[in-house]
């Protein structure tokens, strides 16, 4: 069975992906949705993807800063540039987990 992501990737193969990560304080809507206080730091990830030279997706992702971490793994090629193998958010599992 083909997933929606696989189907779209076959129709519109990605040529570029951009992630911009920022530390922010949540706005009132984010506070309500994430059940956090105004003083809780968050990680904001803005993600854009392109096929050919056309922007095809944009996502604004807000994660509570005390519960998530950003990790990446990259492959260095012999030519110019860097090939990113993965970019992941993982949730911390600790005794203080809510």
Protein backbone atom coordinates (compact mmCIF):
# COMPACT_ATOMS: atom_id res chain seq x y z
CA UNK A 1 0.00 0.00 0.00
CA UNK A 2 1.36 3.42 -0.97
CA UNK A 3 1.34 6.15 1.69
CA UNK A 4 0.23 9.69 0.80
CA UNK A 5 3.83 10.85 1.28
CA UNK A 6 5.17 8.19 -1.11
CA UNK A 7 2.52 9.04 -3.70
CA UNK A 8 3.29 12.76 -3.59
CA UNK A 9 7.04 12.10 -3.70
CA UNK A 10 6.59 10.07 -6.88
CA UNK A 11 4.54 12.84 -8.53
CA UNK A 12 6.68 15.71 -7.25
CA UNK A 13 10.20 14.54 -6.35
CA UNK A 14 11.85 16.89 -3.87
CA UNK A 15 14.82 18.88 -5.08
CA UNK A 16 15.42 21.01 -1.96
CA UNK A 17 14.49 21.00 1.71
CA UNK A 18 15.09 23.87 4.14
CA UNK A 19 14.82 23.79 7.93
CA UNK A 20 15.21 26.94 10.04
CA UNK A 21 15.26 26.36 13.81
CA UNK A 22 14.70 29.16 16.32
CA UNK A 23 14.19 29.43 20.07
CA UNK A 24 10.93 31.26 20.80
CA UNK A 25 8.39 31.93 23.52
CA UNK A 26 4.92 30.62 22.62
CA UNK A 27 2.07 32.91 21.64
CA UNK A 28 -1.30 32.53 23.40
CA UNK A 29 -2.67 29.99 20.88
CA UNK A 30 0.47 27.83 21.13
CA UNK A 31 0.28 28.01 24.94
CA UNK A 32 -3.30 26.71 24.85
CA UNK A 33 -2.62 23.98 22.28
CA UNK A 34 0.56 22.75 23.99
CA UNK A 35 -0.71 23.30 27.54
CA UNK A 36 2.37 25.33 28.51
CA UNK A 37 3.00 28.70 30.15
CA UNK A 38 4.01 31.91 28.39
CA UNK A 39 7.51 31.57 29.88
CA UNK A 40 8.10 28.04 28.49
CA UNK A 41 10.80 28.14 25.79
CA UNK A 42 9.95 26.40 22.52
CA UNK A 43 11.75 25.27 19.40
CA UNK A 44 10.25 26.68 16.22
CA UNK A 45 11.03 24.82 13.00
CA UNK A 46 10.09 26.42 9.71
CA UNK A 47 10.32 23.83 6.93
CA UNK A 48 10.01 24.47 3.20
CA UNK A 49 10.32 21.98 0.33
CA UNK A 50 10.71 22.48 -3.40
CA UNK A 51 10.34 20.42 -6.54
CA UNK A 52 12.31 21.86 -9.46
CA UNK A 53 12.18 25.58 -8.55
CA UNK A 54 8.62 25.51 -7.19
CA UNK A 55 7.83 25.81 -3.49
CA UNK A 56 5.45 22.93 -2.75
CA UNK A 57 5.15 22.87 1.04
CA UNK A 58 5.62 25.02 4.10
CA UNK A 59 5.29 23.93 7.72
CA UNK A 60 5.59 25.88 10.97
CA UNK A 61 6.26 23.42 13.78
CA UNK A 62 6.38 24.47 17.44
CA UNK A 63 7.79 22.05 20.03
CA UNK A 64 8.11 22.59 23.81
CA UNK A 65 11.84 23.19 24.31
CA UNK A 66 12.13 21.14 27.49
CA UNK A 67 10.66 18.01 25.87
CA UNK A 68 12.31 17.85 22.44
CA UNK A 69 15.74 17.89 20.88
CA UNK A 70 16.91 18.31 17.31
CA UNK A 71 19.39 15.86 15.79
CA UNK A 72 20.76 15.43 12.31
CA UNK A 73 23.00 13.06 10.43
CA UNK A 74 24.81 14.08 7.26
CA UNK A 75 26.89 12.34 4.64
CA UNK A 76 29.89 14.21 3.27
CA UNK A 77 30.26 13.56 -0.44
CA UNK A 78 33.48 13.85 -2.42
CA UNK A 79 32.00 16.70 -4.47
CA UNK A 80 30.77 20.09 -3.33
CA UNK A 81 27.93 20.24 -0.86
CA UNK A 82 26.54 18.21 1.97
CA UNK A 83 23.93 15.47 1.71
CA UNK A 84 21.64 15.45 4.76
CA UNK A 85 20.64 11.92 5.64
CA UNK A 86 18.11 12.77 8.34
CA UNK A 87 16.77 15.57 10.48
CA UNK A 88 14.70 14.40 13.43
CA UNK A 89 12.95 15.67 16.51
CA UNK A 90 12.81 13.27 19.38
CA UNK A 91 10.86 13.58 22.59
CA UNK A 92 12.80 13.34 25.84
CA UNK A 93 11.74 10.51 28.10
CA UNK A 94 12.62 11.28 31.70
CA UNK A 95 11.25 11.08 35.21
CA UNK A 96 10.05 14.65 34.81
CA UNK A 97 7.98 13.82 31.73
CA UNK A 98 4.47 15.24 31.79
